[in-house]
Amino acid sequence: MFANINNALSLFSLVLTLCAILGGILAWRSSFIRTANEVQERVIGALESEIAALRQRLDDVARENTRLNQRIETICLALKKRGLEVVIDGDTITIIDNQKNSTITQMHI
Protein backbone atom coordinates (compact mmCIF):
# COMPACT_ATOMS: atom_id res chain seq x y z
CA MET A 1 0.00 0.00 0.00
CA PHE A 2 2.80 2.42 0.85
CA ALA A 3 4.46 1.43 -2.41
CA ASN A 4 1.37 2.52 -4.34
CA ILE A 5 1.21 5.79 -2.42
CA ASN A 6 4.95 6.37 -2.97
CA ASN A 7 4.55 5.61 -6.70
CA ALA A 8 1.54 7.90 -6.92
CA LEU A 9 3.37 10.67 -5.06
CA SER A 10 6.44 10.19 -7.25
CA LEU A 11 4.32 10.32 -10.38
CA PHE A 12 2.45 13.38 -9.06
CA SER A 13 5.75 15.03 -8.17
CA LEU A 14 7.13 14.28 -11.65
CA VAL A 15 4.01 15.68 -13.35
CA LEU A 16 4.09 18.75 -11.09
CA THR A 17 7.78 19.31 -11.87
CA LEU A 18 7.17 18.99 -15.62
CA CYS A 19 4.24 21.41 -15.40
CA ALA A 20 6.38 23.88 -13.46
CA ILE A 21 9.16 23.65 -16.06
CA LEU A 22 6.69 24.02 -18.93
CA GLY A 23 5.00 26.95 -17.18
CA GLY A 24 8.37 28.60 -16.62
CA ILE A 25 9.29 28.22 -20.28
CA LEU A 26 5.93 29.63 -21.39
CA ALA A 27 6.24 32.53 -18.94
CA TRP A 28 9.78 33.30 -20.14
CA ARG A 29 8.65 33.15 -23.77
CA SER A 30 5.68 35.41 -23.07
CA SER A 31 7.91 37.87 -21.22
CA PHE A 32 10.44 37.82 -24.04
CA ILE A 33 7.77 38.49 -26.66
CA ARG A 34 6.24 41.30 -24.57
CA THR A 35 9.66 42.89 -24.09
CA ALA A 36 10.40 42.60 -27.82
CA ASN A 37 7.06 44.25 -28.64
CA GLU A 38 7.73 47.09 -26.17
CA VAL A 39 11.19 47.68 -27.68
CA GLN A 40 9.69 47.61 -31.17
CA GLU A 41 7.06 50.19 -30.16
CA ARG A 42 9.73 52.46 -28.65
CA VAL A 43 11.87 52.21 -31.78
CA ILE A 44 8.89 52.97 -34.01
CA GLY A 45 8.03 55.98 -31.85
CA ALA A 46 11.61 57.25 -31.97
CA LEU A 47 11.77 56.81 -35.76
CA GLU A 48 8.44 58.61 -36.23
CA SER A 49 9.76 61.46 -34.10
CA GLU A 50 12.96 61.58 -36.17
CA ILE A 51 10.95 61.59 -39.41
CA ALA A 52 8.85 64.51 -38.12
CA ALA A 53 12.01 66.42 -37.18
CA LEU A 54 13.56 65.75 -40.60
CA ARG A 55 10.39 66.90 -42.37
CA GLN A 56 10.46 70.10 -40.34
CA ARG A 57 14.13 70.64 -41.24
CA LEU A 58 13.33 69.99 -44.91
CA ASP A 59 10.55 72.60 -44.79
CA ASP A 60 12.92 75.06 -43.10
CA VAL A 61 15.62 74.45 -45.73
CA ALA A 62 13.09 74.87 -48.55
CA ARG A 63 11.94 78.21 -47.09
CA GLU A 64 15.56 79.32 -46.65
CA ASN A 65 16.36 78.29 -50.24
CA THR A 66 13.41 80.30 -51.53
CA ARG A 67 14.50 83.32 -49.48
CA LEU A 68 18.09 83.06 -50.76
CA ASN A 69 16.92 82.70 -54.38
CA GLN A 70 14.84 85.86 -53.97
CA ARG A 71 17.90 87.69 -52.63
CA ILE A 72 20.00 86.51 -55.57
CA GLU A 73 17.32 87.72 -58.00
CA THR A 74 17.23 91.11 -56.23
CA ILE A 75 21.02 91.43 -56.42
CA CYS A 76 21.00 90.45 -60.11
CA LEU A 77 18.33 93.09 -60.85
CA ALA A 78 20.28 95.77 -58.95
CA LEU A 79 23.46 94.91 -60.85
CA LYS A 80 21.58 94.89 -64.16
CA LYS A 81 20.39 98.44 -63.49
CA ARG A 82 24.07 99.41 -63.12
CA GLY A 83 25.01 97.75 -66.41
CA LEU A 84 26.26 94.39 -65.09
CA GLU A 85 24.34 91.30 -66.08
CA VAL A 86 24.72 88.17 -63.96
CA VAL A 87 23.83 84.88 -65.63
CA ILE A 88 23.63 81.82 -63.40
CA ASP A 89 23.52 78.53 -65.29
CA GLY A 90 23.79 75.58 -62.95
CA ASP A 91 27.26 75.73 -61.40
CA THR A 92 28.50 78.46 -63.77
CA ILE A 93 28.18 82.17 -63.02
CA THR A 94 28.91 84.65 -65.82
CA ILE A 95 29.10 88.40 -65.22
CA ILE A 96 28.71 90.56 -68.33
CA ASP A 97 29.47 94.29 -68.42
CA ASN A 98 26.86 95.68 -70.83
CA GLN A 99 28.44 99.13 -70.81
CA LYS A 100 31.75 97.79 -72.16
CA ASN A 101 30.26 94.75 -73.98
CA SER A 102 32.68 92.39 -72.27
CA THR A 103 32.51 89.35 -70.05
CA ILE A 104 34.08 90.10 -66.72
CA THR A 105 34.38 86.69 -65.21
CA GLN A 106 33.10 83.17 -65.35
CA MET A 107 33.19 81.04 -62.22
CA HIS A 108 32.45 77.39 -61.61
CA ILE A 109 31.10 76.60 -58.17
C-alpha atoms as a PDB file:
ATOM      1  CA  MET A   1       0.000   0.000   0.000  1.00  0.00           C
ATOM      2  CA  PHE A   2       2.804   2.421   0.853  1.00  0.00           C
ATOM      3  CA  ALA A   3       4.457   1.435  -2.414  1.00  0.00           C
ATOM      4  CA  ASN A   4       1.368   2.518  -4.341  1.00  0.00           C
ATOM      5  CA  ILE A   5       1.207   5.793  -2.416  1.00  0.00           C
ATOM      6  CA  ASN A   6       4.945   6.368  -2.968  1.00  0.00           C
ATOM      7  CA  ASN A   7       4.552   5.606  -6.696  1.00  0.00           C
ATOM      8  CA  ALA A   8       1.535   7.896  -6.922  1.00  0.00           C
ATOM      9  CA  LEU A   9       3.371  10.667  -5.063  1.00  0.00           C
ATOM     10  CA  SER A  10       6.437  10.189  -7.248  1.00  0.00           C
ATOM     11  CA  LEU A  11       4.319  10.318 -10.378  1.00  0.00           C
ATOM     12  CA  PHE A  12       2.452  13.380  -9.059  1.00  0.00           C
ATOM     13  CA  SER A  13       5.754  15.027  -8.173  1.00  0.00           C
ATOM     14  CA  LEU A  14       7.127  14.285 -11.655  1.00  0.00           C
ATOM     15  CA  VAL A  15       4.006  15.684 -13.350  1.00  0.00           C
ATOM     16  CA  LEU A  16       4.085  18.750 -11.085  1.00  0.00           C
ATOM     17  CA  THR A  17       7.782  19.312 -11.869  1.00  0.00           C
ATOM     18  CA  LEU A  18       7.174  18.992 -15.619  1.00  0.00           C
ATOM     19  CA  CYS A  19       4.236  21.413 -15.397  1.00  0.00           C
ATOM     20  CA  ALA A  20       6.382  23.883 -13.464  1.00  0.00           C
ATOM     21  CA  ILE A  21       9.161  23.648 -16.061  1.00  0.00           C
ATOM     22  CA  LEU A  22       6.690  24.019 -18.933  1.00  0.00           C
ATOM     23  CA  GLY A  23       5.003  26.948 -17.177  1.00  0.00           C
ATOM     24  CA  GLY A  24       8.374  28.599 -16.618  1.00  0.00           C
ATOM     25  CA  ILE A  25       9.288  28.221 -20.279  1.00  0.00           C
ATOM     26  CA  LEU A  26       5.934  29.632 -21.387  1.00  0.00           C
ATOM     27  CA  ALA A  27       6.236  32.531 -18.935  1.00  0.00           C
ATOM     28  CA  TRP A  28       9.778  33.305 -20.139  1.00  0.00           C
ATOM     29  CA  ARG A  29       8.653  33.151 -23.770  1.00  0.00           C
ATOM     30  CA  SER A  30       5.683  35.410 -23.074  1.00  0.00           C
ATOM     31  CA  SER A  31       7.909  37.869 -21.222  1.00  0.00           C
ATOM     32  CA  PHE A  32      10.444  37.816 -24.041  1.00  0.00           C
ATOM     33  CA  ILE A  33       7.769  38.494 -26.664  1.00  0.00           C
ATOM     34  CA  ARG A  34       6.240  41.295 -24.569  1.00  0.00           C
ATOM     35  CA  THR A  35       9.665  42.891 -24.089  1.00  0.00           C
ATOM     36  CA  ALA A  36      10.404  42.598 -27.821  1.00  0.00           C
ATOM     37  CA  ASN A  37       7.063  44.254 -28.638  1.00  0.00           C
ATOM     38  CA  GLU A  38       7.734  47.089 -26.173  1.00  0.00           C
ATOM     39  CA  VAL A  39      11.186  47.680 -27.678  1.00  0.00           C
ATOM     40  CA  GLN A  40       9.693  47.615 -31.166  1.00  0.00           C
ATOM     41  CA  GLU A  41       7.055  50.193 -30.163  1.00  0.00           C
ATOM     42  CA  ARG A  42       9.730  52.456 -28.652  1.00  0.00           C
ATOM     43  CA  VAL A  43      11.874  52.209 -31.780  1.00  0.00           C
ATOM     44  CA  ILE A  44       8.890  52.965 -34.012  1.00  0.00           C
ATOM     45  CA  GLY A  45       8.030  55.981 -31.852  1.00  0.00           C
ATOM     46  CA  ALA A  46      11.609  57.247 -31.974  1.00  0.00           C
ATOM     47  CA  LEU A  47      11.768  56.813 -35.756  1.00  0.00           C
ATOM     48  CA  GLU A  48       8.443  58.614 -36.231  1.00  0.00           C
ATOM     49  CA  SER A  49       9.758  61.463 -34.102  1.00  0.00           C
ATOM     50  CA  GLU A  50      12.965  61.576 -36.169  1.00  0.00           C
ATOM     51  CA  ILE A  51      10.948  61.593 -39.411  1.00  0.00           C
ATOM     52  CA  ALA A  52       8.851  64.507 -38.125  1.00  0.00           C
ATOM     53  CA  ALA A  53      12.008  66.423 -37.181  1.00  0.00           C
ATOM     54  CA  LEU A  54      13.564  65.749 -40.599  1.00  0.00           C
ATOM     55  CA  ARG A  55      10.386  66.895 -42.366  1.00  0.00           C
ATOM     56  CA  GLN A  56      10.464  70.097 -40.338  1.00  0.00           C
ATOM     57  CA  ARG A  57      14.127  70.641 -41.239  1.00  0.00           C
ATOM     58  CA  LEU A  58      13.332  69.992 -44.911  1.00  0.00           C
ATOM     59  CA  ASP A  59      10.553  72.604 -44.791  1.00  0.00           C
ATOM     60  CA  ASP A  60      12.921  75.063 -43.102  1.00  0.00           C
ATOM     61  CA  VAL A  61      15.618  74.450 -45.728  1.00  0.00           C
ATOM     62  CA  ALA A  62      13.092  74.871 -48.552  1.00  0.00           C
ATOM     63  CA  ARG A  63      11.940  78.213 -47.094  1.00  0.00           C
ATOM     64  CA  GLU A  64      15.564  79.322 -46.655  1.00  0.00           C
ATOM     65  CA  ASN A  65      16.361  78.293 -50.242  1.00  0.00           C
ATOM     66  CA  THR A  66      13.407  80.304 -51.530  1.00  0.00           C
ATOM     67  CA  ARG A  67      14.498  83.320 -49.477  1.00  0.00           C
ATOM     68  CA  LEU A  68      18.089  83.065 -50.765  1.00  0.00           C
ATOM     69  CA  ASN A  69      16.924  82.698 -54.382  1.00  0.00           C
ATOM     70  CA  GLN A  70      14.836  85.863 -53.967  1.00  0.00           C
ATOM     71  CA  ARG A  71      17.899  87.691 -52.628  1.00  0.00           C
ATOM     72  CA  ILE A  72      20.003  86.515 -55.567  1.00  0.00           C
ATOM     73  CA  GLU A  73      17.324  87.724 -58.002  1.00  0.00           C
ATOM     74  CA  THR A  74      17.232  91.108 -56.233  1.00  0.00           C
ATOM     75  CA  ILE A  75      21.024  91.434 -56.417  1.00  0.00           C
ATOM     76  CA  CYS A  76      20.998  90.450 -60.105  1.00  0.00           C
ATOM     77  CA  LEU A  77      18.333  93.094 -60.846  1.00  0.00           C
ATOM     78  CA  ALA A  78      20.283  95.767 -58.946  1.00  0.00           C
ATOM     79  CA  LEU A  79      23.462  94.909 -60.854  1.00  0.00           C
ATOM     80  CA  LYS A  80      21.584  94.885 -64.163  1.00  0.00           C
ATOM     81  CA  LYS A  81      20.389  98.440 -63.486  1.00  0.00           C
ATOM     82  CA  ARG A  82      24.073  99.408 -63.125  1.00  0.00           C
ATOM     83  CA  GLY A  83      25.014  97.747 -66.409  1.00  0.00           C
ATOM     84  CA  LEU A  84      26.258  94.388 -65.089  1.00  0.00           C
ATOM     85  CA  GLU A  85      24.343  91.298 -66.084  1.00  0.00           C
ATOM     86  CA  VAL A  86      24.716  88.172 -63.957  1.00  0.00           C
ATOM     87  CA  VAL A  87      23.830  84.876 -65.628  1.00  0.00           C
ATOM     88  CA  ILE A  88      23.628  81.815 -63.404  1.00  0.00           C
ATOM     89  CA  ASP A  89      23.516  78.534 -65.294  1.00  0.00           C
ATOM     90  CA  GLY A  90      23.787  75.576 -62.951  1.00  0.00           C
ATOM     91  CA  ASP A  91      27.262  75.730 -61.404  1.00  0.00           C
ATOM     92  CA  THR A  92      28.502  78.457 -63.773  1.00  0.00           C
ATOM     93  CA  ILE A  93      28.180  82.165 -63.024  1.00  0.00           C
ATOM     94  CA  THR A  94      28.910  84.648 -65.817  1.00  0.00           C
ATOM     95  CA  ILE A  95      29.098  88.397 -65.216  1.00  0.00           C
ATOM     96  CA  ILE A  96      28.706  90.562 -68.329  1.00  0.00           C
ATOM     97  CA  ASP A  97      29.471  94.291 -68.418  1.00  0.00           C
ATOM     98  CA  ASN A  98      26.858  95.678 -70.831  1.00  0.00           C
ATOM     99  CA  GLN A  99      28.439  99.135 -70.812  1.00  0.00           C
ATOM    100  CA  LYS A 100      31.754  97.788 -72.158  1.00  0.00           C
ATOM    101  CA  ASN A 101      30.257  94.749 -73.977  1.00  0.00           C
ATOM    102  CA  SER A 102      32.680  92.394 -72.266  1.00  0.00           C
ATOM    103  CA  THR A 103      32.511  89.346 -70.050  1.00  0.00           C
ATOM    104  CA  ILE A 104      34.085  90.097 -66.723  1.00  0.00           C
ATOM    105  CA  THR A 105      34.378  86.690 -65.207  1.00  0.00           C
ATOM    106  CA  GLN A 106      33.095  83.174 -65.353  1.00  0.00           C
ATOM    107  CA  MET A 107      33.189  81.043 -62.215  1.00  0.00           C
ATOM    108  CA  HIS A 108      32.450  77.387 -61.611  1.00  0.00           C
ATOM    109  CA  ILE A 109      31.099  76.600 -58.173  1.00  0.00           C
END
